[in-house]
Amino acid sequence: MTYIPFKHLNSTPLDFEVSVGNTLFIGNLVHKKGKIAQLNGTITGTVLIFCDVCAEQVEKTLNEEVSFYLSDGIISENENELDIVEITTPMIEMEELLHSEIELIKSDYFCCSQCEGKTLDKEF
């Protein structure tokens, strides 16, 4: 596991590289203000995903740019940042962030090349 202590982040970007299975997450973390840091990175590789039309599992190639904020602890309700991940431990678990991003990618609508352009003709 790759852990990065939140307290070690400063205004100089800290590079990271994490791989899980067939995916690679490369980027950097930089302290922004107060308890907030920003993560910028790219996820590449492949992931198995189900087609939402035919339900076949296929391998999807990834080349995803990601950018979001991290909070050192729980943020107050008056924070106006929309895309903040609250880190409730002193260490940022990079594999956990990668797993979360992969699950977000998998939750998007996906249509395999065989089903591209087809629609579901079901009566509800």
N, C-alpha and C. Protein backbone atom coordinates (compact mmCIF):
# COMPACT_ATOMS: atom_id res chain seq x y z
N MET A 1 0.85 -1.19 0.00
CA MET A 1 0.00 0.00 0.00
C MET A 1 0.89 1.25 0.00
N THR A 2 0.40 2.24 -0.70
CA THR A 2 1.10 3.51 -0.75
C THR A 2 0.34 4.53 0.09
N TYR A 3 1.00 5.04 1.11
CA TYR A 3 0.41 6.04 2.00
C TYR A 3 1.20 7.33 1.89
N ILE A 4 0.49 8.45 1.86
CA ILE A 4 1.14 9.76 1.86
C ILE A 4 0.60 10.53 3.06
N PRO A 5 1.48 10.96 3.97
CA PRO A 5 1.02 11.74 5.12
C PRO A 5 0.49 13.10 4.65
N PHE A 6 -0.72 13.43 5.06
CA PHE A 6 -1.32 14.70 4.66
C PHE A 6 -0.44 15.87 5.12
N LYS A 7 0.17 15.75 6.30
CA LYS A 7 0.96 16.85 6.85
C LYS A 7 2.24 17.11 6.06
N HIS A 8 2.64 16.19 5.17
CA HIS A 8 3.84 16.40 4.36
C HIS A 8 3.57 17.18 3.07
N LEU A 9 2.31 17.48 2.80
CA LEU A 9 1.98 18.22 1.59
C LEU A 9 2.25 19.70 1.79
N ASN A 10 2.78 20.34 0.76
CA ASN A 10 2.99 21.78 0.80
C ASN A 10 2.75 22.35 -0.59
N SER A 11 3.23 23.56 -0.84
CA SER A 11 2.95 24.21 -2.11
C SER A 11 3.76 23.64 -3.28
N THR A 12 4.75 22.81 -2.98
CA THR A 12 5.50 22.11 -4.03
C THR A 12 4.78 20.79 -4.32
N PRO A 13 4.38 20.55 -5.57
CA PRO A 13 3.67 19.30 -5.89
C PRO A 13 4.48 18.06 -5.51
N LEU A 14 3.80 17.11 -4.89
CA LEU A 14 4.40 15.83 -4.51
C LEU A 14 3.91 14.78 -5.50
N ASP A 15 4.83 14.23 -6.28
CA ASP A 15 4.46 13.24 -7.30
C ASP A 15 4.16 11.89 -6.66
N PHE A 16 3.23 11.15 -7.30
CA PHE A 16 2.93 9.79 -6.86
C PHE A 16 2.72 8.90 -8.07
N GLU A 17 2.88 7.61 -7.85
CA GLU A 17 2.61 6.59 -8.86
C GLU A 17 2.12 5.35 -8.14
N VAL A 18 0.93 4.89 -8.50
CA VAL A 18 0.31 3.75 -7.84
C VAL A 18 -0.27 2.84 -8.92
N SER A 19 -0.09 1.53 -8.76
CA SER A 19 -0.71 0.60 -9.70
C SER A 19 -1.50 -0.44 -8.93
N VAL A 20 -2.64 -0.79 -9.49
CA VAL A 20 -3.49 -1.84 -8.95
C VAL A 20 -3.98 -2.65 -10.14
N GLY A 21 -3.66 -3.94 -10.15
CA GLY A 21 -4.07 -4.77 -11.27
C GLY A 21 -3.50 -4.25 -12.57
N ASN A 22 -4.37 -3.99 -13.53
CA ASN A 22 -3.95 -3.49 -14.85
C ASN A 22 -4.08 -1.98 -14.98
N THR A 23 -4.15 -1.26 -13.85
CA THR A 23 -4.30 0.19 -13.91
C THR A 23 -3.12 0.88 -13.24
N LEU A 24 -2.80 2.05 -13.77
CA LEU A 24 -1.71 2.87 -13.24
C LEU A 24 -2.25 4.27 -13.00
N PHE A 25 -1.98 4.80 -11.83
CA PHE A 25 -2.43 6.13 -11.41
C PHE A 25 -1.18 6.97 -11.16
N ILE A 26 -0.96 7.99 -12.00
CA ILE A 26 0.20 8.86 -11.88
C ILE A 26 -0.29 10.29 -11.75
N GLY A 27 0.34 11.04 -10.86
CA GLY A 27 -0.05 12.44 -10.71
C GLY A 27 0.71 13.11 -9.60
N ASN A 28 0.07 14.16 -9.04
CA ASN A 28 0.70 14.87 -7.94
C ASN A 28 -0.36 15.41 -6.98
N LEU A 29 0.11 15.68 -5.78
CA LEU A 29 -0.70 16.28 -4.72
C LEU A 29 -0.04 17.58 -4.30
N VAL A 30 -0.85 18.60 -4.08
CA VAL A 30 -0.31 19.89 -3.67
C VAL A 30 -1.25 20.52 -2.65
N HIS A 31 -0.68 21.08 -1.58
CA HIS A 31 -1.47 21.76 -0.57
C HIS A 31 -2.02 23.06 -1.16
N LYS A 32 -3.32 23.34 -0.97
CA LYS A 32 -3.94 24.55 -1.51
C LYS A 32 -4.12 25.62 -0.43
N LYS A 33 -4.93 25.31 0.58
CA LYS A 33 -5.16 26.26 1.67
C LYS A 33 -5.76 25.51 2.86
N GLY A 34 -5.43 25.95 4.05
CA GLY A 34 -5.99 25.32 5.25
C GLY A 34 -5.81 23.82 5.25
N LYS A 35 -6.93 23.10 5.32
CA LYS A 35 -6.91 21.64 5.35
C LYS A 35 -7.17 21.03 3.97
N ILE A 36 -7.03 21.82 2.91
CA ILE A 36 -7.39 21.36 1.57
C ILE A 36 -6.14 21.16 0.70
N ALA A 37 -6.10 20.03 -0.01
CA ALA A 37 -5.06 19.73 -1.00
C ALA A 37 -5.74 19.38 -2.31
N GLN A 38 -5.01 19.49 -3.40
CA GLN A 38 -5.56 19.14 -4.71
C GLN A 38 -4.78 17.98 -5.29
N LEU A 39 -5.52 17.02 -5.86
CA LEU A 39 -4.92 15.88 -6.55
C LEU A 39 -5.19 16.06 -8.04
N ASN A 40 -4.16 15.94 -8.85
CA ASN A 40 -4.27 15.94 -10.31
C ASN A 40 -3.55 14.71 -10.80
N GLY A 41 -4.20 13.95 -11.68
CA GLY A 41 -3.54 12.74 -12.15
C GLY A 41 -4.19 12.16 -13.38
N THR A 42 -3.61 11.05 -13.81
CA THR A 42 -4.10 10.30 -14.97
C THR A 42 -4.16 8.83 -14.59
N ILE A 43 -5.27 8.19 -14.96
CA ILE A 43 -5.43 6.75 -14.76
C ILE A 43 -5.37 6.11 -16.14
N THR A 44 -4.43 5.19 -16.31
CA THR A 44 -4.29 4.47 -17.57
C THR A 44 -4.33 2.97 -17.30
N GLY A 45 -4.50 2.20 -18.36
CA GLY A 45 -4.53 0.76 -18.25
C GLY A 45 -5.84 0.21 -18.77
N THR A 46 -6.26 -0.90 -18.19
CA THR A 46 -7.52 -1.53 -18.60
C THR A 46 -8.31 -1.96 -17.37
N VAL A 47 -9.63 -2.04 -17.57
CA VAL A 47 -10.52 -2.50 -16.51
C VAL A 47 -11.63 -3.33 -17.16
N LEU A 48 -12.08 -4.37 -16.46
CA LEU A 48 -13.21 -5.16 -16.95
C LEU A 48 -14.50 -4.47 -16.56
N ILE A 49 -15.39 -4.32 -17.53
CA ILE A 49 -16.63 -3.58 -17.31
C ILE A 49 -17.75 -4.27 -18.08
N PHE A 50 -18.98 -4.19 -17.55
CA PHE A 50 -20.13 -4.80 -18.19
C PHE A 50 -20.80 -3.82 -19.13
N CYS A 51 -21.18 -4.31 -20.32
CA CYS A 51 -21.94 -3.51 -21.27
C CYS A 51 -23.35 -3.32 -20.70
N ASP A 52 -23.86 -2.09 -20.73
CA ASP A 52 -25.19 -1.82 -20.20
C ASP A 52 -26.31 -2.27 -21.15
N VAL A 53 -25.97 -2.70 -22.36
CA VAL A 53 -26.99 -3.18 -23.30
C VAL A 53 -27.06 -4.70 -23.30
N CYS A 54 -25.91 -5.37 -23.54
CA CYS A 54 -25.93 -6.84 -23.66
C CYS A 54 -25.43 -7.55 -22.41
N ALA A 55 -24.88 -6.83 -21.45
CA ALA A 55 -24.37 -7.36 -20.18
C ALA A 55 -23.11 -8.22 -20.33
N GLU A 56 -22.49 -8.20 -21.50
CA GLU A 56 -21.22 -8.90 -21.67
C GLU A 56 -20.10 -8.12 -20.98
N GLN A 57 -19.18 -8.85 -20.40
CA GLN A 57 -18.04 -8.20 -19.76
C GLN A 57 -16.94 -8.03 -20.80
N VAL A 58 -16.45 -6.80 -20.93
CA VAL A 58 -15.39 -6.51 -21.88
C VAL A 58 -14.29 -5.70 -21.19
N GLU A 59 -13.14 -5.69 -21.82
CA GLU A 59 -12.01 -4.93 -21.30
C GLU A 59 -12.06 -3.53 -21.89
N LYS A 60 -12.07 -2.54 -21.02
CA LYS A 60 -12.11 -1.14 -21.45
C LYS A 60 -10.74 -0.52 -21.21
N THR A 61 -10.22 0.17 -22.21
CA THR A 61 -8.95 0.88 -22.08
C THR A 61 -9.20 2.22 -21.41
N LEU A 62 -8.37 2.53 -20.42
CA LEU A 62 -8.51 3.77 -19.67
C LEU A 62 -7.41 4.76 -20.02
N ASN A 63 -7.80 6.01 -20.12
CA ASN A 63 -6.88 7.14 -20.20
C ASN A 63 -7.66 8.33 -19.65
N GLU A 64 -7.86 8.32 -18.33
CA GLU A 64 -8.74 9.27 -17.65
C GLU A 64 -7.95 10.31 -16.88
N GLU A 65 -8.22 11.58 -17.16
CA GLU A 65 -7.65 12.67 -16.37
C GLU A 65 -8.56 12.88 -15.16
N VAL A 66 -8.00 12.98 -13.98
CA VAL A 66 -8.78 13.22 -12.77
C VAL A 66 -8.19 14.40 -12.00
N SER A 67 -9.08 15.15 -11.38
CA SER A 67 -8.67 16.28 -10.55
C SER A 67 -9.76 16.49 -9.51
N PHE A 68 -9.36 16.46 -8.25
CA PHE A 68 -10.31 16.71 -7.17
C PHE A 68 -9.54 17.18 -5.94
N TYR A 69 -10.29 17.59 -4.94
CA TYR A 69 -9.70 18.10 -3.70
C TYR A 69 -9.79 17.07 -2.59
N LEU A 70 -8.84 17.13 -1.67
CA LEU A 70 -8.82 16.28 -0.49
C LEU A 70 -8.86 17.19 0.73
N SER A 71 -9.56 16.75 1.75
CA SER A 71 -9.62 17.49 2.99
C SER A 71 -8.97 16.68 4.10
N ASP A 72 -8.14 17.32 4.89
CA ASP A 72 -7.52 16.68 6.04
C ASP A 72 -8.54 16.68 7.17
N GLY A 73 -9.40 15.68 7.17
CA GLY A 73 -10.48 15.58 8.15
C GLY A 73 -11.81 15.99 7.55
N ILE A 74 -12.80 16.02 8.39
CA ILE A 74 -14.16 16.37 7.97
C ILE A 74 -14.23 17.87 7.76
N ILE A 75 -14.84 18.26 6.64
CA ILE A 75 -14.94 19.69 6.33
C ILE A 75 -16.22 20.26 6.89
N SER A 76 -16.22 21.56 7.10
CA SER A 76 -17.41 22.21 7.62
C SER A 76 -18.45 22.36 6.52
N GLU A 77 -19.70 22.52 6.90
CA GLU A 77 -20.79 22.61 5.93
C GLU A 77 -20.69 23.84 5.05
N ASN A 78 -19.98 24.88 5.48
CA ASN A 78 -19.93 26.10 4.68
C ASN A 78 -18.82 26.09 3.63
N GLU A 79 -18.10 24.98 3.50
CA GLU A 79 -17.12 24.88 2.42
C GLU A 79 -17.87 24.86 1.09
N ASN A 80 -17.40 25.63 0.12
CA ASN A 80 -18.12 25.71 -1.14
C ASN A 80 -17.51 24.85 -2.24
N GLU A 81 -16.51 24.05 -1.94
CA GLU A 81 -15.93 23.14 -2.92
C GLU A 81 -16.87 21.95 -3.09
N LEU A 82 -17.18 21.59 -4.32
CA LEU A 82 -18.11 20.51 -4.58
C LEU A 82 -17.46 19.14 -4.59
N ASP A 83 -16.25 19.03 -5.07
CA ASP A 83 -15.61 17.74 -5.28
C ASP A 83 -14.48 17.53 -4.28
N ILE A 84 -14.86 17.30 -3.00
CA ILE A 84 -13.87 17.13 -1.95
C ILE A 84 -14.01 15.73 -1.35
N VAL A 85 -12.88 15.04 -1.26
CA VAL A 85 -12.82 13.74 -0.59
C VAL A 85 -12.27 13.98 0.80
N GLU A 86 -13.04 13.60 1.81
CA GLU A 86 -12.60 13.79 3.19
C GLU A 86 -11.70 12.63 3.61
N ILE A 87 -10.49 12.96 4.03
CA ILE A 87 -9.53 11.96 4.51
C ILE A 87 -9.57 12.02 6.04
N THR A 88 -10.07 10.96 6.66
CA THR A 88 -10.28 10.97 8.10
C THR A 88 -9.15 10.32 8.88
N THR A 89 -8.09 9.92 8.18
CA THR A 89 -6.91 9.37 8.83
C THR A 89 -5.73 10.28 8.51
N PRO A 90 -4.64 10.20 9.25
CA PRO A 90 -3.49 11.08 8.96
C PRO A 90 -2.80 10.76 7.64
N MET A 91 -3.09 9.59 7.08
CA MET A 91 -2.42 9.14 5.86
C MET A 91 -3.41 9.04 4.71
N ILE A 92 -3.01 9.49 3.54
CA ILE A 92 -3.81 9.36 2.32
C ILE A 92 -3.48 8.00 1.72
N GLU A 93 -4.49 7.13 1.60
CA GLU A 93 -4.31 5.80 1.03
C GLU A 93 -4.53 5.89 -0.48
N MET A 94 -3.45 5.89 -1.24
CA MET A 94 -3.53 6.12 -2.67
C MET A 94 -4.24 4.99 -3.42
N GLU A 95 -4.05 3.74 -3.00
CA GLU A 95 -4.74 2.63 -3.65
C GLU A 95 -6.25 2.76 -3.46
N GLU A 96 -6.67 3.22 -2.28
CA GLU A 96 -8.10 3.42 -2.00
C GLU A 96 -8.68 4.48 -2.93
N LEU A 97 -7.94 5.56 -3.15
CA LEU A 97 -8.40 6.60 -4.08
C LEU A 97 -8.50 6.04 -5.50
N LEU A 98 -7.52 5.23 -5.91
CA LEU A 98 -7.56 4.62 -7.24
C LEU A 98 -8.76 3.69 -7.37
N HIS A 99 -9.00 2.85 -6.36
CA HIS A 99 -10.16 1.95 -6.39
C HIS A 99 -11.46 2.76 -6.52
N SER A 100 -11.57 3.85 -5.78
CA SER A 100 -12.77 4.68 -5.84
C SER A 100 -12.97 5.28 -7.23
N GLU A 101 -11.89 5.75 -7.83
CA GLU A 101 -11.99 6.32 -9.17
C GLU A 101 -12.39 5.26 -10.21
N ILE A 102 -11.85 4.05 -10.07
CA ILE A 102 -12.21 2.96 -10.99
C ILE A 102 -13.70 2.63 -10.84
N GLU A 103 -14.20 2.59 -9.61
CA GLU A 103 -15.62 2.31 -9.41
C GLU A 103 -16.50 3.40 -10.00
N LEU A 104 -16.05 4.66 -9.92
CA LEU A 104 -16.79 5.75 -10.57
C LEU A 104 -16.83 5.57 -12.07
N ILE A 105 -15.72 5.16 -12.66
CA ILE A 105 -15.66 4.91 -14.10
C ILE A 105 -16.61 3.77 -14.47
N LYS A 106 -16.60 2.70 -13.68
CA LYS A 106 -17.47 1.55 -13.94
C LYS A 106 -18.95 1.89 -13.80
N SER A 107 -19.27 2.89 -12.98
CA SER A 107 -20.68 3.24 -12.76
C SER A 107 -21.27 4.07 -13.90
N ASP A 108 -20.41 4.63 -14.76
CA ASP A 108 -20.90 5.37 -15.92
C ASP A 108 -21.56 4.42 -16.91
N TYR A 109 -22.44 4.96 -17.74
CA TYR A 109 -23.07 4.16 -18.79
C TYR A 109 -21.98 3.71 -19.76
N PHE A 110 -21.98 2.43 -20.10
CA PHE A 110 -20.99 1.89 -21.01
C PHE A 110 -21.66 0.99 -22.03
N CYS A 111 -21.29 1.16 -23.27
CA CYS A 111 -21.82 0.36 -24.37
C CYS A 111 -20.64 -0.23 -25.13
N CYS A 112 -20.61 -1.56 -25.28
CA CYS A 112 -19.50 -2.20 -25.98
C CYS A 112 -19.59 -1.92 -27.49
N SER A 113 -18.54 -2.25 -28.21
CA SER A 113 -18.51 -1.97 -29.65
C SER A 113 -19.57 -2.74 -30.42
N GLN A 114 -19.98 -3.91 -29.93
CA GLN A 114 -21.03 -4.70 -30.59
C GLN A 114 -22.40 -4.06 -30.46
N CYS A 115 -22.62 -3.33 -29.39
CA CYS A 115 -23.94 -2.76 -29.10
C CYS A 115 -24.01 -1.25 -29.40
N GLU A 116 -22.91 -0.66 -29.80
CA GLU A 116 -22.88 0.77 -30.05
C GLU A 116 -23.99 1.16 -31.03
N GLY A 117 -24.79 2.14 -30.65
CA GLY A 117 -25.87 2.61 -31.51
C GLY A 117 -27.19 1.87 -31.33
N LYS A 118 -27.18 0.77 -30.61
CA LYS A 118 -28.41 0.02 -30.35
C LYS A 118 -29.14 0.66 -29.17
N THR A 119 -30.45 0.46 -29.12
CA THR A 119 -31.24 0.92 -27.98
C THR A 119 -31.98 -0.26 -27.39
N LEU A 120 -32.35 -0.12 -26.17
CA LEU A 120 -33.15 -1.16 -25.51
C LEU A 120 -34.61 -0.93 -25.86
N ASP A 121 -35.25 -1.93 -26.45
CA ASP A 121 -36.67 -1.83 -26.82
C ASP A 121 -37.51 -2.65 -25.85
N LYS A 122 -37.55 -2.21 -24.63
CA LYS A 122 -38.34 -2.90 -23.61
C LYS A 122 -39.50 -2.02 -23.20
N GLU A 123 -40.63 -2.66 -22.94
CA GLU A 123 -41.78 -1.92 -22.43
C GLU A 123 -41.74 -1.94 -20.92
N PHE A 124 -41.98 -0.79 -20.34
CA PHE A 124 -41.99 -0.70 -18.88
C PHE A 124 -43.37 -0.43 -18.38
